[in-house]
């Protein structure tokens, strides 16, 4: 989940913070 992963460990949602890149987790949690 790119640099967003550290926020997930803290309990936040994947899309609560901007990510450096569109990772595989981002792809699998969007219509893509």
ModelCIF file with pLDDT and N, C-alpha, C, O atoms, coordinates in Angstrom:
data_MODEL
#
_entry.id   MODEL 
#
_entity.id                         1 
_entity.type                       polymer 
_entity.pdbx_number_of_molecules   1 
#
_entity_poly.entity_id                      1 
_entity_poly.type                           'polypeptide(L)' 
_entity_poly.nstd_linkage                   no 
_entity_poly.nstd_monomer                   no 
_entity_poly.pdbx_seq_one_letter_code       
;(UNK)(UNK)(UNK)(UNK)(UNK)(UNK)(UNK)(UNK)(UNK)(UNK)(UNK)(UNK)(UNK)(UNK)(UNK)(UNK)
(UNK)(UNK)(UNK)(UNK)(UNK)(UNK)(UNK)(UNK)(UNK)(UNK)(UNK)(UNK)(UNK)(UNK)(UNK)(UNK)
;
_entity_poly.pdbx_seq_one_letter_code_can   XXXXXXXXXXXXXXXXXXXXXXXXXXXXXXXX 
_entity_poly.pdbx_strand_id                 A 
#
loop_
_entity_poly_seq.entity_id 
_entity_poly_seq.num 
_entity_poly_seq.mon_id 
_entity_poly_seq.hetero 
1 1  UNK n 
1 2  UNK n 
1 3  UNK n 
1 4  UNK n 
1 5  UNK n 
1 6  UNK n 
1 7  UNK n 
1 8  UNK n 
1 9  UNK n 
1 10 UNK n 
1 11 UNK n 
1 12 UNK n 
1 13 UNK n 
1 14 UNK n 
1 15 UNK n 
1 16 UNK n 
1 17 UNK n 
1 18 UNK n 
1 19 UNK n 
1 20 UNK n 
1 21 UNK n 
1 22 UNK n 
1 23 UNK n 
1 24 UNK n 
1 25 UNK n 
1 26 UNK n 
1 27 UNK n 
1 28 UNK n 
1 29 UNK n 
1 30 UNK n 
1 31 UNK n 
1 32 UNK n 
#
_struct_asym.id          A 
_struct_asym.entity_id   1 
#
loop_
_ma_qa_metric.id 
_ma_qa_metric.mode 
_ma_qa_metric.name 
_ma_qa_metric.software_group_id 
_ma_qa_metric.type 
1 global pLDDT . pLDDT 
2 local  pLDDT . pLDDT 
#
_ma_qa_metric_global.metric_id      1 
_ma_qa_metric_global.metric_value   92.62 
_ma_qa_metric_global.model_id       1 
_ma_qa_metric_global.ordinal_id     1 
#
loop_
_ma_qa_metric_local.label_asym_id 
_ma_qa_metric_local.label_comp_id 
_ma_qa_metric_local.label_seq_id 
_ma_qa_metric_local.metric_id 
_ma_qa_metric_local.metric_value 
_ma_qa_metric_local.model_id 
_ma_qa_metric_local.ordinal_id 
A UNK 1  2 95.00 1 1  
A UNK 2  2 95.00 1 2  
A UNK 3  2 92.00 1 3  
A UNK 4  2 91.00 1 4  
A UNK 5  2 91.00 1 5  
A UNK 6  2 87.00 1 6  
A UNK 7  2 89.00 1 7  
A UNK 8  2 89.00 1 8  
A UNK 9  2 87.00 1 9  
A UNK 10 2 88.00 1 10 
A UNK 11 2 86.00 1 11 
A UNK 12 2 89.00 1 12 
A UNK 13 2 91.00 1 13 
A UNK 14 2 92.00 1 14 
A UNK 15 2 92.00 1 15 
A UNK 16 2 90.00 1 16 
A UNK 17 2 86.00 1 17 
A UNK 18 2 88.00 1 18 
A UNK 19 2 92.00 1 19 
A UNK 20 2 94.00 1 20 
A UNK 21 2 96.00 1 21 
A UNK 22 2 97.00 1 22 
A UNK 23 2 97.00 1 23 
A UNK 24 2 98.00 1 24 
A UNK 25 2 97.00 1 25 
A UNK 26 2 97.00 1 26 
A UNK 27 2 97.00 1 27 
A UNK 28 2 97.00 1 28 
A UNK 29 2 96.00 1 29 
A UNK 30 2 96.00 1 30 
A UNK 31 2 96.00 1 31 
A UNK 32 2 96.00 1 32 
#
loop_
_atom_site.group_PDB 
_atom_site.id 
_atom_site.type_symbol 
_atom_site.label_atom_id 
_atom_site.label_alt_id 
_atom_site.label_comp_id 
_atom_site.label_asym_id 
_atom_site.label_entity_id 
_atom_site.label_seq_id 
_atom_site.pdbx_PDB_ins_code 
_atom_site.Cartn_x 
_atom_site.Cartn_y 
_atom_site.Cartn_z 
_atom_site.occupancy 
_atom_site.B_iso_or_equiv 
_atom_site.pdbx_formal_charge 
_atom_site.auth_seq_id 
_atom_site.auth_comp_id 
_atom_site.auth_asym_id 
_atom_site.auth_atom_id 
_atom_site.pdbx_PDB_model_num 
ATOM 1   N N  . UNK A 1 1  ? 0.816   -1.225 0.000   1.00 95.00 ? 1  UNK A N  1 
ATOM 2   C CA . UNK A 1 1  ? 0.000   0.000  0.000   1.00 95.00 ? 1  UNK A CA 1 
ATOM 3   C C  . UNK A 1 1  ? 0.842   1.265  0.000   1.00 95.00 ? 1  UNK A C  1 
ATOM 4   O O  . UNK A 1 1  ? 0.409   2.295  0.515   1.00 95.00 ? 1  UNK A O  1 
ATOM 5   N N  . UNK A 1 2  ? 2.046   1.200  -0.573  1.00 95.00 ? 2  UNK A N  1 
ATOM 6   C CA . UNK A 1 2  ? 2.930   2.351  -0.666  1.00 95.00 ? 2  UNK A CA 1 
ATOM 7   C C  . UNK A 1 2  ? 3.131   2.991  0.707   1.00 95.00 ? 2  UNK A C  1 
ATOM 8   O O  . UNK A 1 2  ? 3.137   2.291  1.720   1.00 95.00 ? 2  UNK A O  1 
ATOM 9   N N  . UNK A 1 3  ? 3.295   4.302  0.749   1.00 92.00 ? 3  UNK A N  1 
ATOM 10  C CA . UNK A 1 3  ? 3.537   4.974  2.028   1.00 92.00 ? 3  UNK A CA 1 
ATOM 11  C C  . UNK A 1 3  ? 2.275   5.106  2.873   1.00 92.00 ? 3  UNK A C  1 
ATOM 12  O O  . UNK A 1 3  ? 2.348   5.544  4.021   1.00 92.00 ? 3  UNK A O  1 
ATOM 13  N N  . UNK A 1 4  ? 1.124   4.738  2.327   1.00 91.00 ? 4  UNK A N  1 
ATOM 14  C CA . UNK A 1 4  ? -0.120  4.771  3.104   1.00 91.00 ? 4  UNK A CA 1 
ATOM 15  C C  . UNK A 1 4  ? -0.185  3.647  4.123   1.00 91.00 ? 4  UNK A C  1 
ATOM 16  O O  . UNK A 1 4  ? -1.029  3.664  5.020   1.00 91.00 ? 4  UNK A O  1 
ATOM 17  N N  . UNK A 1 5  ? 0.701   2.670  3.989   1.00 91.00 ? 5  UNK A N  1 
ATOM 18  C CA . UNK A 1 5  ? 0.622   1.484  4.841   1.00 91.00 ? 5  UNK A CA 1 
ATOM 19  C C  . UNK A 1 5  ? 0.821   1.823  6.313   1.00 91.00 ? 5  UNK A C  1 
ATOM 20  O O  . UNK A 1 5  ? 0.197   1.208  7.177   1.00 91.00 ? 5  UNK A O  1 
ATOM 21  N N  . UNK A 1 6  ? 1.677   2.786  6.606   1.00 87.00 ? 6  UNK A N  1 
ATOM 22  C CA . UNK A 1 6  ? 1.922   3.133  8.001   1.00 87.00 ? 6  UNK A CA 1 
ATOM 23  C C  . UNK A 1 6  ? 0.673   3.723  8.656   1.00 87.00 ? 6  UNK A C  1 
ATOM 24  O O  . UNK A 1 6  ? 0.476   3.570  9.862   1.00 87.00 ? 6  UNK A O  1 
ATOM 25  N N  . UNK A 1 7  ? -0.171  4.397  7.871   1.00 89.00 ? 7  UNK A N  1 
ATOM 26  C CA . UNK A 1 7  ? -1.412  4.942  8.407   1.00 89.00 ? 7  UNK A CA 1 
ATOM 27  C C  . UNK A 1 7  ? -2.433  3.832  8.661   1.00 89.00 ? 7  UNK A C  1 
ATOM 28  O O  . UNK A 1 7  ? -3.252  3.930  9.575   1.00 89.00 ? 7  UNK A O  1 
ATOM 29  N N  . UNK A 1 8  ? -2.377  2.788  7.852   1.00 89.00 ? 8  UNK A N  1 
ATOM 30  C CA . UNK A 1 8  ? -3.277  1.656  8.074   1.00 89.00 ? 8  UNK A CA 1 
ATOM 31  C C  . UNK A 1 8  ? -2.948  0.971  9.390   1.00 89.00 ? 8  UNK A C  1 
ATOM 32  O O  . UNK A 1 8  ? -3.845  0.532  10.111  1.00 89.00 ? 8  UNK A O  1 
ATOM 33  N N  . UNK A 1 9  ? -1.661  0.880  9.702   1.00 87.00 ? 9  UNK A N  1 
ATOM 34  C CA . UNK A 1 9  ? -1.250  0.286  10.986  1.00 87.00 ? 9  UNK A CA 1 
ATOM 35  C C  . UNK A 1 9  ? -1.781  1.100  12.161  1.00 87.00 ? 9  UNK A C  1 
ATOM 36  O O  . UNK A 1 9  ? -1.995  0.569  13.251  1.00 87.00 ? 9  UNK A O  1 
ATOM 37  N N  . UNK A 1 10 ? -1.994  2.412  11.924  1.00 88.00 ? 10 UNK A N  1 
ATOM 38  C CA . UNK A 1 10 ? -2.482  3.291  12.994  1.00 88.00 ? 10 UNK A CA 1 
ATOM 39  C C  . UNK A 1 10 ? -4.003  3.323  13.060  1.00 88.00 ? 10 UNK A C  1 
ATOM 40  O O  . UNK A 1 10 ? -4.573  4.010  13.908  1.00 88.00 ? 10 UNK A O  1 
ATOM 41  N N  . UNK A 1 11 ? -4.662  2.589  12.177  1.00 86.00 ? 11 UNK A N  1 
ATOM 42  C CA . UNK A 1 11 ? -6.105  2.474  12.246  1.00 86.00 ? 11 UNK A CA 1 
ATOM 43  C C  . UNK A 1 11 ? -6.878  3.324  11.268  1.00 86.00 ? 11 UNK A C  1 
ATOM 44  O O  . UNK A 1 11 ? -8.108  3.335  11.301  1.00 86.00 ? 11 UNK A O  1 
ATOM 45  N N  . UNK A 1 12 ? -6.183  4.043  10.389  1.00 89.00 ? 12 UNK A N  1 
ATOM 46  C CA . UNK A 1 12 ? -6.866  4.890  9.426   1.00 89.00 ? 12 UNK A CA 1 
ATOM 47  C C  . UNK A 1 12 ? -7.283  4.098  8.193   1.00 89.00 ? 12 UNK A C  1 
ATOM 48  O O  . UNK A 1 12 ? -6.856  2.959  8.008   1.00 89.00 ? 12 UNK A O  1 
ATOM 49  N N  . UNK A 1 13 ? -8.115  4.699  7.355   1.00 91.00 ? 13 UNK A N  1 
ATOM 50  C CA . UNK A 1 13 ? -8.542  4.104  6.091   1.00 91.00 ? 13 UNK A CA 1 
ATOM 51  C C  . UNK A 1 13 ? -7.507  4.383  5.008   1.00 91.00 ? 13 UNK A C  1 
ATOM 52  O O  . UNK A 1 13 ? -6.759  5.357  5.089   1.00 91.00 ? 13 UNK A O  1 
ATOM 53  N N  . UNK A 1 14 ? -7.471  3.538  4.016   1.00 92.00 ? 14 UNK A N  1 
ATOM 54  C CA . UNK A 1 14 ? -6.496  3.666  2.936   1.00 92.00 ? 14 UNK A CA 1 
ATOM 55  C C  . UNK A 1 14 ? -6.554  5.026  2.255   1.00 92.00 ? 14 UNK A C  1 
ATOM 56  O O  . UNK A 1 14 ? -5.522  5.567  1.858   1.00 92.00 ? 14 UNK A O  1 
ATOM 57  N N  . UNK A 1 15 ? -7.749  5.579  2.119   1.00 92.00 ? 15 UNK A N  1 
ATOM 58  C CA . UNK A 1 15 ? -7.916  6.814  1.358   1.00 92.00 ? 15 UNK A CA 1 
ATOM 59  C C  . UNK A 1 15 ? -7.994  8.058  2.239   1.00 92.00 ? 15 UNK A C  1 
ATOM 60  O O  . UNK A 1 15 ? -8.363  9.132  1.765   1.00 92.00 ? 15 UNK A O  1 
ATOM 61  N N  . UNK A 1 16 ? -7.650  7.918  3.521   1.00 90.00 ? 16 UNK A N  1 
ATOM 62  C CA . UNK A 1 16 ? -7.617  9.075  4.413   1.00 90.00 ? 16 UNK A CA 1 
ATOM 63  C C  . UNK A 1 16 ? -6.394  9.950  4.164   1.00 90.00 ? 16 UNK A C  1 
ATOM 64  O O  . UNK A 1 16 ? -6.375  11.124 4.535   1.00 90.00 ? 16 UNK A O  1 
ATOM 65  N N  . UNK A 1 17 ? -5.370  9.371  3.532   1.00 86.00 ? 17 UNK A N  1 
ATOM 66  C CA . UNK A 1 17 ? -4.132  10.100 3.299   1.00 86.00 ? 17 UNK A CA 1 
ATOM 67  C C  . UNK A 1 17 ? -3.692  9.917  1.841   1.00 86.00 ? 17 UNK A C  1 
ATOM 68  O O  . UNK A 1 17 ? -3.943  8.872  1.241   1.00 86.00 ? 17 UNK A O  1 
ATOM 69  N N  . UNK A 1 18 ? -3.041  10.924 1.282   1.00 88.00 ? 18 UNK A N  1 
ATOM 70  C CA . UNK A 1 18 ? -2.525  10.772 -0.085  1.00 88.00 ? 18 UNK A CA 1 
ATOM 71  C C  . UNK A 1 18 ? -1.410  9.740  -0.128  1.00 88.00 ? 18 UNK A C  1 
ATOM 72  O O  . UNK A 1 18 ? -0.621  9.631  0.811   1.00 88.00 ? 18 UNK A O  1 
ATOM 73  N N  . UNK A 1 19 ? -1.347  8.992  -1.205  1.00 92.00 ? 19 UNK A N  1 
ATOM 74  C CA . UNK A 1 19 ? -0.318  7.974  -1.369  1.00 92.00 ? 19 UNK A CA 1 
ATOM 75  C C  . UNK A 1 19 ? 0.666   8.408  -2.440  1.00 92.00 ? 19 UNK A C  1 
ATOM 76  O O  . UNK A 1 19 ? 0.294   9.050  -3.422  1.00 92.00 ? 19 UNK A O  1 
ATOM 77  N N  . UNK A 1 20 ? 1.926   8.050  -2.239  1.00 94.00 ? 20 UNK A N  1 
ATOM 78  C CA . UNK A 1 20 ? 2.952   8.414  -3.212  1.00 94.00 ? 20 UNK A CA 1 
ATOM 79  C C  . UNK A 1 20 ? 2.646   7.820  -4.573  1.00 94.00 ? 20 UNK A C  1 
ATOM 80  O O  . UNK A 1 20 ? 2.843   8.470  -5.600  1.00 94.00 ? 20 UNK A O  1 
ATOM 81  N N  . UNK A 1 21 ? 2.165   6.583  -4.582  1.00 96.00 ? 21 UNK A N  1 
ATOM 82  C CA . UNK A 1 21 ? 1.818   5.917  -5.834  1.00 96.00 ? 21 UNK A CA 1 
ATOM 83  C C  . UNK A 1 21 ? 0.495   5.164  -5.666  1.00 96.00 ? 21 UNK A C  1 
ATOM 84  O O  . UNK A 1 21 ? 0.034   4.927  -4.550  1.00 96.00 ? 21 UNK A O  1 
ATOM 85  N N  . UNK A 1 22 ? -0.085  4.808  -6.769  1.00 97.00 ? 22 UNK A N  1 
ATOM 86  C CA . UNK A 1 22 ? -1.285  3.981  -6.751  1.00 97.00 ? 22 UNK A CA 1 
ATOM 87  C C  . UNK A 1 22 ? -0.842  2.522  -6.666  1.00 97.00 ? 22 UNK A C  1 
ATOM 88  O O  . UNK A 1 22 ? -0.422  1.928  -7.659  1.00 97.00 ? 22 UNK A O  1 
ATOM 89  N N  . UNK A 1 23 ? -0.941  1.964  -5.480  1.00 97.00 ? 23 UNK A N  1 
ATOM 90  C CA . UNK A 1 23 ? -0.440  0.626  -5.218  1.00 97.00 ? 23 UNK A CA 1 
ATOM 91  C C  . UNK A 1 23 ? -1.444  -0.446 -5.610  1.00 97.00 ? 23 UNK A C  1 
ATOM 92  O O  . UNK A 1 23 ? -2.536  -0.143 -6.090  1.00 97.00 ? 23 UNK A O  1 
ATOM 93  N N  . UNK A 1 24 ? -1.062  -1.715 -5.399  1.00 98.00 ? 24 UNK A N  1 
ATOM 94  C CA . UNK A 1 24 ? -1.976  -2.826 -5.677  1.00 98.00 ? 24 UNK A CA 1 
ATOM 95  C C  . UNK A 1 24 ? -3.197  -2.784 -4.772  1.00 98.00 ? 24 UNK A C  1 
ATOM 96  O O  . UNK A 1 24 ? -4.301  -3.115 -5.205  1.00 98.00 ? 24 UNK A O  1 
ATOM 97  N N  . UNK A 1 25 ? -3.011  -2.380 -3.521  1.00 97.00 ? 25 UNK A N  1 
ATOM 98  C CA . UNK A 1 25 ? -4.162  -2.277 -2.624  1.00 97.00 ? 25 UNK A CA 1 
ATOM 99  C C  . UNK A 1 25 ? -5.122  -1.208 -3.116  1.00 97.00 ? 25 UNK A C  1 
ATOM 100 O O  . UNK A 1 25 ? -6.338  -1.396 -3.070  1.00 97.00 ? 25 UNK A O  1 
ATOM 101 N N  . UNK A 1 26 ? -4.587  -0.087 -3.588  1.00 97.00 ? 26 UNK A N  1 
ATOM 102 C CA . UNK A 1 26 ? -5.448  0.957  -4.141  1.00 97.00 ? 26 UNK A CA 1 
ATOM 103 C C  . UNK A 1 26 ? -6.244  0.419  -5.332  1.00 97.00 ? 26 UNK A C  1 
ATOM 104 O O  . UNK A 1 26 ? -7.440  0.681  -5.457  1.00 97.00 ? 26 UNK A O  1 
ATOM 105 N N  . UNK A 1 27 ? -5.576  -0.326 -6.195  1.00 97.00 ? 27 UNK A N  1 
ATOM 106 C CA . UNK A 1 27 ? -6.260  -0.872 -7.368  1.00 97.00 ? 27 UNK A CA 1 
ATOM 107 C C  . UNK A 1 27 ? -7.394  -1.802 -6.965  1.00 97.00 ? 27 UNK A C  1 
ATOM 108 O O  . UNK A 1 27 ? -8.472  -1.776 -7.559  1.00 97.00 ? 27 UNK A O  1 
ATOM 109 N N  . UNK A 1 28 ? -7.141  -2.630 -5.945  1.00 97.00 ? 28 UNK A N  1 
ATOM 110 C CA . UNK A 1 28 ? -8.127  -3.631 -5.543  1.00 97.00 ? 28 UNK A CA 1 
ATOM 111 C C  . UNK A 1 28 ? -9.248  -3.060 -4.685  1.00 97.00 ? 28 UNK A C  1 
ATOM 112 O O  . UNK A 1 28 ? -10.205 -3.763 -4.361  1.00 97.00 ? 28 UNK A O  1 
ATOM 113 N N  . UNK A 1 29 ? -9.130  -1.783 -4.313  1.00 96.00 ? 29 UNK A N  1 
ATOM 114 C CA . UNK A 1 29 ? -10.199 -1.135 -3.549  1.00 96.00 ? 29 UNK A CA 1 
ATOM 115 C C  . UNK A 1 29 ? -10.867 -0.015 -4.333  1.00 96.00 ? 29 UNK A C  1 
ATOM 116 O O  . UNK A 1 29 ? -11.507 0.867  -3.761  1.00 96.00 ? 29 UNK A O  1 
ATOM 117 N N  . UNK A 1 30 ? -10.706 -0.066 -5.655  1.00 96.00 ? 30 UNK A N  1 
ATOM 118 C CA . UNK A 1 30 ? -11.343 0.913  -6.550  1.00 96.00 ? 30 UNK A CA 1 
ATOM 119 C C  . UNK A 1 30 ? -12.010 0.160  -7.702  1.00 96.00 ? 30 UNK A C  1 
ATOM 120 O O  . UNK A 1 30 ? -11.779 -1.038 -7.868  1.00 96.00 ? 30 UNK A O  1 
ATOM 121 N N  . UNK A 1 31 ? -12.833 0.846  -8.497  1.00 96.00 ? 31 UNK A N  1 
ATOM 122 C CA . UNK A 1 31 ? -13.474 0.198  -9.656  1.00 96.00 ? 31 UNK A CA 1 
ATOM 123 C C  . UNK A 1 31 ? -12.490 -0.367 -10.679 1.00 96.00 ? 31 UNK A C  1 
ATOM 124 O O  . UNK A 1 31 ? -12.882 -1.150 -11.544 1.00 96.00 ? 31 UNK A O  1 
ATOM 125 N N  . UNK A 1 32 ? -11.215 0.023  -10.589 1.00 96.00 ? 32 UNK A N  1 
ATOM 126 C CA . UNK A 1 32 ? -10.228 -0.486 -11.542 1.00 96.00 ? 32 UNK A CA 1 
ATOM 127 C C  . UNK A 1 32 ? -10.069 -2.004 -11.467 1.00 96.00 ? 32 UNK A C  1 
ATOM 128 O O  . UNK A 1 32 ? -9.272  -2.579 -12.209 1.00 96.00 ? 32 UNK A O  1 
#
